[in-house]
């Protein structure tokens, strides 16, 4: 099944906030609610450790805008 071109065009003309809401709803409809409890526990432990590392000053946080700028520059250089 494919999205009809006219529906696709209509959806892409929605304001950004509405497109974001729709994207969130679509994503949520794909998420498997029966996640493996062991995986969830391991991921929760990892998140807790990362938060502790930040709070204890063991890691340096990098602003996402800076990362994106650097990546764009690298990609631009690679295309030359």
PDB file of N, CA and C in Angstrom:
ATOM      1  N   UNK A   1       0.845  -1.181   0.000  1.00  0.00           N
ATOM      2  CA  UNK A   1       0.000   0.000   0.000  1.00  0.00           C
ATOM      3  C   UNK A   1       0.887   1.241   0.000  1.00  0.00           C
ATOM      4  N   UNK A   2       0.574   2.182  -0.850  1.00  0.00           N
ATOM      5  CA  UNK A   2       1.367   3.409  -0.874  1.00  0.00           C
ATOM      6  C   UNK A   2       0.466   4.611  -0.607  1.00  0.00           C
ATOM      7  N   UNK A   3       1.087   5.669  -0.155  1.00  0.00           N
ATOM      8  CA  UNK A   3       0.349   6.901   0.122  1.00  0.00           C
ATOM      9  C   UNK A   3       0.036   7.586  -1.201  1.00  0.00           C
ATOM     10  N   UNK A   4      -1.197   7.964  -1.369  1.00  0.00           N
ATOM     11  CA  UNK A   4      -1.597   8.652  -2.593  1.00  0.00           C
ATOM     12  C   UNK A   4      -0.851   9.987  -2.682  1.00  0.00           C
ATOM     13  N   UNK A   5      -0.345  10.326  -3.864  1.00  0.00           N
ATOM     14  CA  UNK A   5       0.434  11.559  -4.022  1.00  0.00           C
ATOM     15  C   UNK A   5      -0.297  12.802  -3.525  1.00  0.00           C
ATOM     16  N   UNK A   6      -1.602  12.876  -3.760  1.00  0.00           N
ATOM     17  CA  UNK A   6      -2.334  14.063  -3.314  1.00  0.00           C
ATOM     18  C   UNK A   6      -2.407  14.140  -1.796  1.00  0.00           C
ATOM     19  N   UNK A   7      -2.522  12.981  -1.131  1.00  0.00           N
ATOM     20  CA  UNK A   7      -2.529  12.969   0.338  1.00  0.00           C
ATOM     21  C   UNK A   7      -1.147  13.350   0.862  1.00  0.00           C
ATOM     22  N   UNK A   8      -0.105  12.811   0.243  1.00  0.00           N
ATOM     23  CA  UNK A   8       1.260  13.148   0.642  1.00  0.00           C
ATOM     24  C   UNK A   8       1.491  14.654   0.536  1.00  0.00           C
ATOM     25  N   UNK A   9       1.075  15.257  -0.594  1.00  0.00           N
ATOM     26  CA  UNK A   9       1.244  16.710  -0.784  1.00  0.00           C
ATOM     27  C   UNK A   9       0.488  17.485   0.284  1.00  0.00           C
ATOM     28  N   UNK A  10      -0.731  17.045   0.569  1.00  0.00           N
ATOM     29  CA  UNK A  10      -1.545  17.738   1.579  1.00  0.00           C
ATOM     30  C   UNK A  10      -0.883  17.661   2.954  1.00  0.00           C
ATOM     31  N   UNK A  11      -0.380  16.490   3.311  1.00  0.00           N
ATOM     32  CA  UNK A  11       0.266  16.330   4.617  1.00  0.00           C
ATOM     33  C   UNK A  11       1.524  17.182   4.727  1.00  0.00           C
ATOM     34  N   UNK A  12       2.275  17.267   3.635  1.00  0.00           N
ATOM     35  CA  UNK A  12       3.510  18.053   3.670  1.00  0.00           C
ATOM     36  C   UNK A  12       3.268  19.554   3.708  1.00  0.00           C
ATOM     37  N   UNK A  13       2.040  19.987   3.427  1.00  0.00           N
ATOM     38  CA  UNK A  13       1.733  21.415   3.509  1.00  0.00           C
ATOM     39  C   UNK A  13       1.213  21.820   4.891  1.00  0.00           C
ATOM     40  N   UNK A  14       1.044  20.837   5.777  1.00  0.00           N
ATOM     41  CA  UNK A  14       0.606  21.165   7.137  1.00  0.00           C
ATOM     42  C   UNK A  14       1.680  22.009   7.822  1.00  0.00           C
ATOM     43  N   UNK A  15       1.270  22.844   8.764  1.00  0.00           N
ATOM     44  CA  UNK A  15       2.261  23.599   9.543  1.00  0.00           C
ATOM     45  C   UNK A  15       3.193  22.631  10.270  1.00  0.00           C
ATOM     46  N   UNK A  16       4.396  23.075  10.550  1.00  0.00           N
ATOM     47  CA  UNK A  16       5.420  22.228  11.159  1.00  0.00           C
ATOM     48  C   UNK A  16       4.932  21.561  12.444  1.00  0.00           C
ATOM     49  N   UNK A  17       4.231  22.295  13.275  1.00  0.00           N
ATOM     50  CA  UNK A  17       3.764  21.728  14.544  1.00  0.00           C
ATOM     51  C   UNK A  17       2.802  20.562  14.304  1.00  0.00           C
ATOM     52  N   UNK A  18       1.916  20.703  13.318  1.00  0.00           N
ATOM     53  CA  UNK A  18       0.970  19.625  13.018  1.00  0.00           C
ATOM     54  C   UNK A  18       1.679  18.424  12.395  1.00  0.00           C
ATOM     55  N   UNK A  19       2.690  18.684  11.550  1.00  0.00           N
ATOM     56  CA  UNK A  19       3.465  17.580  10.980  1.00  0.00           C
ATOM     57  C   UNK A  19       4.193  16.828  12.081  1.00  0.00           C
ATOM     58  N   UNK A  20       4.711  17.576  13.069  1.00  0.00           N
ATOM     59  CA  UNK A  20       5.403  16.939  14.191  1.00  0.00           C
ATOM     60  C   UNK A  20       4.446  16.063  14.982  1.00  0.00           C
ATOM     61  N   UNK A  21       3.246  16.570  15.250  1.00  0.00           N
ATOM     62  CA  UNK A  21       2.239  15.788  15.971  1.00  0.00           C
ATOM     63  C   UNK A  21       1.927  14.508  15.211  1.00  0.00           C
ATOM     64  N   UNK A  22       1.727  14.630  13.907  1.00  0.00           N
ATOM     65  CA  UNK A  22       1.408  13.469  13.083  1.00  0.00           C
ATOM     66  C   UNK A  22       2.573  12.471  13.097  1.00  0.00           C
ATOM     67  N   UNK A  23       3.784  12.973  12.969  1.00  0.00           N
ATOM     68  CA  UNK A  23       4.960  12.103  13.006  1.00  0.00           C
ATOM     69  C   UNK A  23       5.036  11.361  14.333  1.00  0.00           C
ATOM     70  N   UNK A  24       4.773  12.075  15.427  1.00  0.00           N
ATOM     71  CA  UNK A  24       4.793  11.439  16.749  1.00  0.00           C
ATOM     72  C   UNK A  24       3.735  10.343  16.839  1.00  0.00           C
ATOM     73  N   UNK A  25       2.544  10.635  16.332  1.00  0.00           N
ATOM     74  CA  UNK A  25       1.465   9.640  16.375  1.00  0.00           C
ATOM     75  C   UNK A  25       1.796   8.428  15.518  1.00  0.00           C
ATOM     76  N   UNK A  26       2.362   8.665  14.351  1.00  0.00           N
ATOM     77  CA  UNK A  26       2.751   7.554  13.485  1.00  0.00           C
ATOM     78  C   UNK A  26       3.829   6.702  14.149  1.00  0.00           C
ATOM     79  N   UNK A  27       4.818   7.375  14.741  1.00  0.00           N
ATOM     80  CA  UNK A  27       5.887   6.646  15.426  1.00  0.00           C
ATOM     81  C   UNK A  27       5.313   5.806  16.559  1.00  0.00           C
ATOM     82  N   UNK A  28       4.462   6.405  17.361  1.00  0.00           N
ATOM     83  CA  UNK A  28       3.873   5.685  18.495  1.00  0.00           C
ATOM     84  C   UNK A  28       3.092   4.466  18.016  1.00  0.00           C
ATOM     85  N   UNK A  29       2.479   4.567  16.831  1.00  0.00           N
ATOM     86  CA  UNK A  29       1.710   3.436  16.320  1.00  0.00           C
ATOM     87  C   UNK A  29       2.623   2.282  15.894  1.00  0.00           C
ATOM     88  N   UNK A  30       3.914   2.557  15.715  1.00  0.00           N
ATOM     89  CA  UNK A  30       4.862   1.529  15.297  1.00  0.00           C
ATOM     90  C   UNK A  30       5.611   0.892  16.453  1.00  0.00           C
ATOM     91  N   UNK A  31       5.615   1.558  17.595  1.00  0.00           N
ATOM     92  CA  UNK A  31       6.390   1.077  18.744  1.00  0.00           C
ATOM     93  C   UNK A  31       5.741  -0.194  19.301  1.00  0.00           C
ATOM     94  N   UNK A  32       6.583  -1.210  19.454  1.00  0.00           N
ATOM     95  CA  UNK A  32       6.120  -2.469  20.021  1.00  0.00           C
ATOM     96  C   UNK A  32       5.998  -2.304  21.527  1.00  0.00           C
ATOM     97  N   UNK A  33       4.782  -2.468  22.032  1.00  0.00           N
ATOM     98  CA  UNK A  33       4.558  -2.251  23.462  1.00  0.00           C
ATOM     99  C   UNK A  33       5.087  -3.405  24.315  1.00  0.00           C
ATOM    100  N   UNK A  34       5.370  -4.538  23.696  1.00  0.00           N
ATOM    101  CA  UNK A  34       5.833  -5.681  24.472  1.00  0.00           C
ATOM    102  C   UNK A  34       7.354  -5.779  24.387  1.00  0.00           C
ATOM    103  N   UNK A  35       8.017  -4.769  24.939  1.00  0.00           N
ATOM    104  CA  UNK A  35       9.477  -4.763  24.944  1.00  0.00           C
ATOM    105  C   UNK A  35       9.999  -5.794  25.936  1.00  0.00           C
ATOM    106  N   UNK A  36      11.145  -6.323  25.621  1.00  0.00           N
ATOM    107  CA  UNK A  36      11.796  -7.305  26.476  1.00  0.00           C
ATOM    108  C   UNK A  36      12.167  -6.647  27.805  1.00  0.00           C
ATOM    109  N   UNK A  37      11.651  -7.164  28.917  1.00  0.00           N
ATOM    110  CA  UNK A  37      11.939  -6.554  30.226  1.00  0.00           C
ATOM    111  C   UNK A  37      13.442  -6.469  30.530  1.00  0.00           C
ATOM    112  N   UNK A  38      14.211  -7.466  30.110  1.00  0.00           N
ATOM    113  CA  UNK A  38      15.654  -7.440  30.347  1.00  0.00           C
ATOM    114  C   UNK A  38      16.304  -6.294  29.576  1.00  0.00           C
ATOM    115  N   UNK A  39      15.865  -6.091  28.333  1.00  0.00           N
ATOM    116  CA  UNK A  39      16.387  -4.994  27.517  1.00  0.00           C
ATOM    117  C   UNK A  39      16.028  -3.658  28.157  1.00  0.00           C
ATOM    118  N   UNK A  40      14.764  -3.511  28.598  1.00  0.00           N
ATOM    119  CA  UNK A  40      14.341  -2.258  29.236  1.00  0.00           C
ATOM    120  C   UNK A  40      15.155  -1.977  30.495  1.00  0.00           C
ATOM    121  N   UNK A  41      15.414  -3.020  31.293  1.00  0.00           N
ATOM    122  CA  UNK A  41      16.187  -2.857  32.524  1.00  0.00           C
ATOM    123  C   UNK A  41      17.625  -2.443  32.185  1.00  0.00           C
ATOM    124  N   UNK A  42      18.211  -3.084  31.181  1.00  0.00           N
ATOM    125  CA  UNK A  42      19.577  -2.746  30.787  1.00  0.00           C
ATOM    126  C   UNK A  42      19.656  -1.313  30.278  1.00  0.00           C
ATOM    127  N   UNK A  43      18.676  -0.905  29.492  1.00  0.00           N
ATOM    128  CA  UNK A  43      18.686   0.453  28.960  1.00  0.00           C
ATOM    129  C   UNK A  43      18.465   1.461  30.087  1.00  0.00           C
ATOM    130  N   UNK A  44      17.598   1.156  31.024  1.00  0.00           N
ATOM    131  CA  UNK A  44      17.373   2.041  32.173  1.00  0.00           C
ATOM    132  C   UNK A  44      18.653   2.192  32.988  1.00  0.00           C
ATOM    133  N   UNK A  45      19.386   1.094  33.165  1.00  0.00           N
ATOM    134  CA  UNK A  45      20.661   1.161  33.881  1.00  0.00           C
ATOM    135  C   UNK A  45      21.659   2.047  33.132  1.00  0.00           C
ATOM    136  N   UNK A  46      21.701   1.904  31.809  1.00  0.00           N
ATOM    137  CA  UNK A  46      22.612   2.704  30.989  1.00  0.00           C
ATOM    138  C   UNK A  46      22.275   4.192  31.102  1.00  0.00           C
ATOM    139  N   UNK A  47      20.994   4.516  31.036  1.00  0.00           N
ATOM    140  CA  UNK A  47      20.563   5.913  31.154  1.00  0.00           C
ATOM    141  C   UNK A  47      20.954   6.472  32.519  1.00  0.00           C
ATOM    142  N   UNK A  48      20.711   5.687  33.568  1.00  0.00           N
ATOM    143  CA  UNK A  48      21.059   6.135  34.918  1.00  0.00           C
ATOM    144  C   UNK A  48      22.557   6.398  35.025  1.00  0.00           C
ATOM    145  N   UNK A  49      23.375   5.522  34.431  1.00  0.00           N
ATOM    146  CA  UNK A  49      24.830   5.704  34.488  1.00  0.00           C
ATOM    147  C   UNK A  49      25.244   6.959  33.734  1.00  0.00           C
ATOM    148  N   UNK A  50      24.635   7.206  32.579  1.00  0.00           N
ATOM    149  CA  UNK A  50      24.973   8.401  31.799  1.00  0.00           C
ATOM    150  C   UNK A  50      24.600   9.678  32.542  1.00  0.00           C
ATOM    151  N   UNK A  51      23.445   9.668  33.191  1.00  0.00           N
ATOM    152  CA  UNK A  51      23.013  10.831  33.977  1.00  0.00           C
ATOM    153  C   UNK A  51      23.987  11.063  35.123  1.00  0.00           C
ATOM    154  N   UNK A  52      24.395   9.979  35.782  1.00  0.00           N
ATOM    155  CA  UNK A  52      25.360  10.094  36.891  1.00  0.00           C
ATOM    156  C   UNK A  52      26.691  10.649  36.377  1.00  0.00           C
ATOM    157  N   UNK A  53      27.152  10.173  35.220  1.00  0.00           N
ATOM    158  CA  UNK A  53      28.408  10.665  34.648  1.00  0.00           C
ATOM    159  C   UNK A  53      28.339  12.168  34.374  1.00  0.00           C
ATOM    160  N   UNK A  54      27.202  12.627  33.885  1.00  0.00           N
ATOM    161  CA  UNK A  54      27.037  14.067  33.627  1.00  0.00           C
ATOM    162  C   UNK A  54      27.036  14.825  34.948  1.00  0.00           C
ATOM    163  N   UNK A  55      26.254  14.339  35.901  1.00  0.00           N
ATOM    164  CA  UNK A  55      26.150  15.022  37.195  1.00  0.00           C
ATOM    165  C   UNK A  55      27.496  15.074  37.912  1.00  0.00           C
ATOM    166  N   UNK A  56      28.296  14.030  37.751  1.00  0.00           N
ATOM    167  CA  UNK A  56      29.603  13.969  38.418  1.00  0.00           C
ATOM    168  C   UNK A  56      30.700  14.672  37.628  1.00  0.00           C
ATOM    169  N   UNK A  57      30.358  15.211  36.464  1.00  0.00           N
ATOM    170  CA  UNK A  57      31.327  15.942  35.660  1.00  0.00           C
ATOM    171  C   UNK A  57      32.343  15.069  34.938  1.00  0.00           C
ATOM    172  N   UNK A  58      32.030  13.796  34.752  1.00  0.00           N
ATOM    173  CA  UNK A  58      32.975  12.880  34.088  1.00  0.00           C
ATOM    174  C   UNK A  58      32.882  12.929  32.568  1.00  0.00           C
ATOM    175  N   UNK A  59      31.853  13.568  32.055  1.00  0.00           N
ATOM    176  CA  UNK A  59      31.707  13.670  30.601  1.00  0.00           C
ATOM    177  C   UNK A  59      31.499  15.121  30.212  1.00  0.00           C
ATOM    178  N   UNK A  60      31.908  15.447  29.007  1.00  0.00           N
ATOM    179  CA  UNK A  60      31.724  16.796  28.499  1.00  0.00           C
ATOM    180  C   UNK A  60      30.528  16.793  27.548  1.00  0.00           C
ATOM    181  N   UNK A  61      29.565  17.628  27.826  1.00  0.00           N
ATOM    182  CA  UNK A  61      28.395  17.717  26.957  1.00  0.00           C
ATOM    183  C   UNK A  61      28.714  18.641  25.793  1.00  0.00           C
ATOM    184  N   UNK A  62      28.189  18.284  24.621  1.00  0.00           N
ATOM    185  CA  UNK A  62      28.419  19.067  23.420  1.00  0.00           C
ATOM    186  C   UNK A  62      27.064  19.515  22.892  1.00  0.00           C
ATOM    187  N   UNK A  63      26.938  20.787  22.601  1.00  0.00           N
ATOM    188  CA  UNK A  63      25.696  21.352  22.095  1.00  0.00           C
ATOM    189  C   UNK A  63      25.360  20.727  20.740  1.00  0.00           C
ATOM    190  N   UNK A  64      24.128  20.303  20.563  1.00  0.00           N
ATOM    191  CA  UNK A  64      23.697  19.645  19.325  1.00  0.00           C
ATOM    192  C   UNK A  64      23.908  20.539  18.108  1.00  0.00           C
ATOM    193  N   UNK A  65      23.689  21.831  18.254  1.00  0.00           N
ATOM    194  CA  UNK A  65      23.897  22.747  17.122  1.00  0.00           C
ATOM    195  C   UNK A  65      25.356  22.726  16.669  1.00  0.00           C
ATOM    196  N   UNK A  66      26.278  22.642  17.629  1.00  0.00           N
ATOM    197  CA  UNK A  66      27.702  22.567  17.289  1.00  0.00           C
ATOM    198  C   UNK A  66      28.016  21.271  16.545  1.00  0.00           C
ATOM    199  N   UNK A  67      27.460  20.164  17.023  1.00  0.00           N
ATOM    200  CA  UNK A  67      27.680  18.868  16.368  1.00  0.00           C
ATOM    201  C   UNK A  67      27.145  18.906  14.945  1.00  0.00           C
ATOM    202  N   UNK A  68      25.937  19.422  14.774  1.00  0.00           N
ATOM    203  CA  UNK A  68      25.333  19.483  13.446  1.00  0.00           C
ATOM    204  C   UNK A  68      26.155  20.361  12.509  1.00  0.00           C
ATOM    205  N   UNK A  69      26.640  21.481  13.007  1.00  0.00           N
ATOM    206  CA  UNK A  69      27.473  22.369  12.187  1.00  0.00           C
ATOM    207  C   UNK A  69      28.750  21.663  11.740  1.00  0.00           C
ATOM    208  N   UNK A  70      29.387  20.965  12.675  1.00  0.00           N
ATOM    209  CA  UNK A  70      30.614  20.244  12.333  1.00  0.00           C
ATOM    210  C   UNK A  70      30.348  19.148  11.310  1.00  0.00           C
ATOM    211  N   UNK A  71      29.248  18.434  11.482  1.00  0.00           N
ATOM    212  CA  UNK A  71      28.913  17.371  10.528  1.00  0.00           C
ATOM    213  C   UNK A  71      28.626  17.937   9.138  1.00  0.00           C
ATOM    214  N   UNK A  72      27.892  19.047   9.100  1.00  0.00           N
ATOM    215  CA  UNK A  72      27.608  19.675   7.802  1.00  0.00           C
ATOM    216  C   UNK A  72      28.904  20.104   7.115  1.00  0.00           C
ATOM    217  N   UNK A  73      29.827  20.666   7.895  1.00  0.00           N
ATOM    218  CA  UNK A  73      31.114  21.084   7.333  1.00  0.00           C
ATOM    219  C   UNK A  73      31.900  19.886   6.817  1.00  0.00           C
ATOM    220  N   UNK A  74      31.924  18.812   7.568  1.00  0.00           N
ATOM    221  CA  UNK A  74      32.634  17.608   7.139  1.00  0.00           C
ATOM    222  C   UNK A  74      32.022  17.033   5.868  1.00  0.00           C
ATOM    223  N   UNK A  75      30.690  16.973   5.811  1.00  0.00           N
ATOM    224  CA  UNK A  75      30.016  16.465   4.621  1.00  0.00           C
ATOM    225  C   UNK A  75      30.287  17.353   3.412  1.00  0.00           C
ATOM    226  N   UNK A  76      30.292  18.658   3.644  1.00  0.00           N
ATOM    227  CA  UNK A  76      30.573  19.594   2.570  1.00  0.00           C
ATOM    228  C   UNK A  76      31.988  19.404   2.035  1.00  0.00           C
ATOM    229  N   UNK A  77      32.953  19.252   2.954  1.00  0.00           N
ATOM    230  CA  UNK A  77      34.344  19.028   2.561  1.00  0.00           C
ATOM    231  C   UNK A  77      34.505  17.712   1.801  1.00  0.00           C
ATOM    232  N   UNK A  78      33.776  16.685   2.238  1.00  0.00           N
ATOM    233  CA  UNK A  78      33.897  15.381   1.599  1.00  0.00           C
ATOM    234  C   UNK A  78      33.356  15.389   0.172  1.00  0.00           C
ATOM    235  N   UNK A  79      32.411  16.270  -0.102  1.00  0.00           N
ATOM    236  CA  UNK A  79      31.818  16.343  -1.441  1.00  0.00           C
ATOM    237  C   UNK A  79      32.715  17.060  -2.431  1.00  0.00           C
ATOM    238  N   UNK A  80      33.701  17.780  -1.940  1.00  0.00           N
ATOM    239  CA  UNK A  80      34.576  18.568  -2.822  1.00  0.00           C
ATOM    240  C   UNK A  80      35.624  17.713  -3.478  1.00  0.00           C
TER     241      UNK A  80
END
